[in-house]
C-alpha cells in the first residue's frame, strides 16, 4: 500500500528498525464522516498522483 500512501511511508522513517505497525487507514469527508469511496479512489493511484488527488 506504500505507493498509494507515500506520506504514510515517509512518516515511518523516524521509527526504530524492526518496528511493527498495525492500524487502519481512514479518510473523512468535509462533514467528518468516514468516506470509504475516497479511500478506494486513493488506492487506485500511485506515487505523486496519490497525494495530488487529495490536495
N, C-alpha and C. Protein backbone atom coordinates (compact mmCIF):
# COMPACT_ATOMS: atom_id res chain seq x y z
N UNK A 1 0.82 -1.19 0.00
CA UNK A 1 0.00 0.00 0.00
C UNK A 1 0.86 1.25 0.00
N UNK A 2 2.15 1.08 0.16
CA UNK A 2 3.05 2.23 0.19
C UNK A 2 2.97 3.15 -1.01
N UNK A 3 2.91 2.61 -2.24
CA UNK A 3 2.84 3.51 -3.39
C UNK A 3 1.58 4.39 -3.41
N UNK A 4 0.50 3.94 -2.84
CA UNK A 4 -0.73 4.73 -2.82
C UNK A 4 -0.74 5.74 -1.68
N UNK A 5 0.09 5.51 -0.67
CA UNK A 5 0.14 6.39 0.51
C UNK A 5 1.59 6.74 0.84
N UNK A 6 2.29 7.47 -0.06
CA UNK A 6 3.70 7.77 0.18
C UNK A 6 3.94 8.59 1.44
N UNK A 7 3.00 9.41 1.87
CA UNK A 7 3.20 10.19 3.08
C UNK A 7 3.20 9.29 4.31
N UNK A 8 2.47 8.20 4.30
CA UNK A 8 2.49 7.26 5.42
C UNK A 8 3.84 6.56 5.49
N UNK A 9 4.39 6.20 4.34
CA UNK A 9 5.70 5.55 4.30
C UNK A 9 6.77 6.53 4.78
N UNK A 10 6.69 7.78 4.35
CA UNK A 10 7.68 8.79 4.77
C UNK A 10 7.65 8.97 6.28
N UNK A 11 6.49 8.87 6.88
CA UNK A 11 6.37 9.03 8.34
C UNK A 11 7.04 7.93 9.12
N UNK A 12 7.25 6.79 8.50
CA UNK A 12 7.88 5.68 9.21
C UNK A 12 9.40 5.83 9.29
N UNK A 13 9.96 6.78 8.60
CA UNK A 13 11.41 6.97 8.61
C UNK A 13 11.93 7.28 10.01
N UNK A 14 11.09 7.82 10.86
CA UNK A 14 11.51 8.19 12.21
C UNK A 14 11.40 7.03 13.20
N UNK A 15 10.85 5.91 12.77
CA UNK A 15 10.68 4.78 13.68
C UNK A 15 11.95 3.94 13.77
N UNK A 16 12.13 3.30 14.88
CA UNK A 16 13.29 2.42 15.06
C UNK A 16 13.18 1.20 14.14
N UNK A 17 14.33 0.65 13.77
CA UNK A 17 14.34 -0.56 12.96
C UNK A 17 13.55 -1.66 13.67
N UNK A 18 12.95 -2.52 12.91
CA UNK A 18 12.17 -3.67 13.41
C UNK A 18 10.89 -3.24 14.14
N UNK A 19 10.41 -2.03 13.87
CA UNK A 19 9.15 -1.59 14.45
C UNK A 19 8.01 -2.21 13.64
N UNK A 20 7.03 -2.72 14.31
CA UNK A 20 5.84 -3.28 13.66
C UNK A 20 4.68 -2.32 13.83
N UNK A 21 3.98 -2.05 12.75
CA UNK A 21 2.81 -1.17 12.80
C UNK A 21 1.57 -2.00 12.53
N UNK A 22 0.51 -1.69 13.23
CA UNK A 22 -0.78 -2.32 13.00
C UNK A 22 -1.81 -1.21 13.08
N UNK A 23 -2.58 -1.06 12.05
CA UNK A 23 -3.55 0.02 12.09
C UNK A 23 -4.50 -0.04 10.92
N UNK A 24 -5.13 1.06 10.70
CA UNK A 24 -6.16 1.16 9.70
C UNK A 24 -6.08 2.55 9.06
N UNK A 25 -6.23 2.61 7.76
CA UNK A 25 -6.28 3.89 7.07
C UNK A 25 -7.74 4.29 6.93
N UNK A 26 -8.03 5.54 7.24
CA UNK A 26 -9.38 6.06 7.09
C UNK A 26 -9.31 7.43 6.44
N UNK A 27 -10.38 7.80 5.75
CA UNK A 27 -10.49 9.11 5.12
C UNK A 27 -11.84 9.69 5.54
N UNK A 28 -11.83 10.94 5.95
CA UNK A 28 -13.07 11.62 6.33
C UNK A 28 -13.47 12.59 5.24
N UNK A 29 -14.78 12.83 5.13
CA UNK A 29 -15.26 13.85 4.21
C UNK A 29 -15.34 15.18 4.97
N UNK A 30 -15.81 16.22 4.29
CA UNK A 30 -15.85 17.56 4.88
C UNK A 30 -16.78 17.62 6.11
N UNK A 31 -17.75 16.72 6.17
CA UNK A 31 -18.69 16.71 7.29
C UNK A 31 -18.19 15.87 8.46
N UNK A 32 -17.00 15.29 8.32
CA UNK A 32 -16.43 14.50 9.40
C UNK A 32 -16.88 13.05 9.42
N UNK A 33 -17.51 12.58 8.34
CA UNK A 33 -17.93 11.18 8.25
C UNK A 33 -16.87 10.39 7.50
N UNK A 34 -16.78 9.10 7.79
CA UNK A 34 -15.84 8.25 7.06
C UNK A 34 -16.27 8.18 5.60
N UNK A 35 -15.29 8.27 4.70
CA UNK A 35 -15.56 8.28 3.26
C UNK A 35 -14.78 7.14 2.61
N UNK A 36 -15.34 5.93 2.70
CA UNK A 36 -14.65 4.76 2.18
C UNK A 36 -14.39 4.87 0.68
N UNK A 37 -15.29 5.49 -0.07
CA UNK A 37 -15.09 5.62 -1.52
C UNK A 37 -13.87 6.48 -1.84
N UNK A 38 -13.56 7.46 -1.01
CA UNK A 38 -12.36 8.28 -1.22
C UNK A 38 -11.11 7.44 -0.96
N UNK A 39 -11.16 6.57 0.03
CA UNK A 39 -10.04 5.67 0.30
C UNK A 39 -9.83 4.73 -0.88
N UNK A 40 -10.91 4.19 -1.43
CA UNK A 40 -10.80 3.31 -2.59
C UNK A 40 -10.21 4.05 -3.77
N UNK A 41 -10.63 5.27 -4.01
CA UNK A 41 -10.08 6.07 -5.11
C UNK A 41 -8.60 6.31 -4.92
N UNK A 42 -8.20 6.57 -3.70
CA UNK A 42 -6.79 6.81 -3.40
C UNK A 42 -5.95 5.56 -3.64
N UNK A 43 -6.49 4.38 -3.31
CA UNK A 43 -5.76 3.12 -3.52
C UNK A 43 -5.49 2.87 -4.99
N UNK A 44 -6.32 3.42 -5.87
CA UNK A 44 -6.15 3.23 -7.31
C UNK A 44 -5.01 4.08 -7.87
N UNK A 45 -4.55 5.05 -7.12
CA UNK A 45 -3.47 5.95 -7.58
C UNK A 45 -2.15 5.52 -6.96
N UNK A 46 -1.07 5.96 -7.56
CA UNK A 46 0.27 5.59 -7.08
C UNK A 46 1.19 6.81 -7.08
N UNK A 47 2.14 6.83 -6.17
CA UNK A 47 3.19 7.83 -6.13
C UNK A 47 2.68 9.25 -5.99
N UNK A 48 3.27 10.16 -6.76
CA UNK A 48 2.93 11.58 -6.67
C UNK A 48 1.46 11.81 -7.01
N UNK A 49 0.90 11.00 -7.89
CA UNK A 49 -0.50 11.15 -8.24
C UNK A 49 -1.43 10.88 -7.08
N UNK A 50 -1.02 10.05 -6.14
CA UNK A 50 -1.84 9.74 -4.97
C UNK A 50 -2.02 10.97 -4.10
N UNK A 51 -0.96 11.66 -3.80
CA UNK A 51 -1.08 12.85 -2.95
C UNK A 51 -1.76 13.98 -3.68
N UNK A 52 -1.48 14.15 -4.97
CA UNK A 52 -2.09 15.23 -5.73
C UNK A 52 -3.60 15.06 -5.79
N UNK A 53 -4.09 13.84 -5.79
CA UNK A 53 -5.52 13.58 -5.86
C UNK A 53 -6.24 14.11 -4.62
N UNK A 54 -5.59 14.10 -3.48
CA UNK A 54 -6.23 14.55 -2.24
C UNK A 54 -6.07 16.03 -2.00
N UNK A 55 -5.10 16.67 -2.64
CA UNK A 55 -4.83 18.09 -2.38
C UNK A 55 -5.62 18.97 -3.24
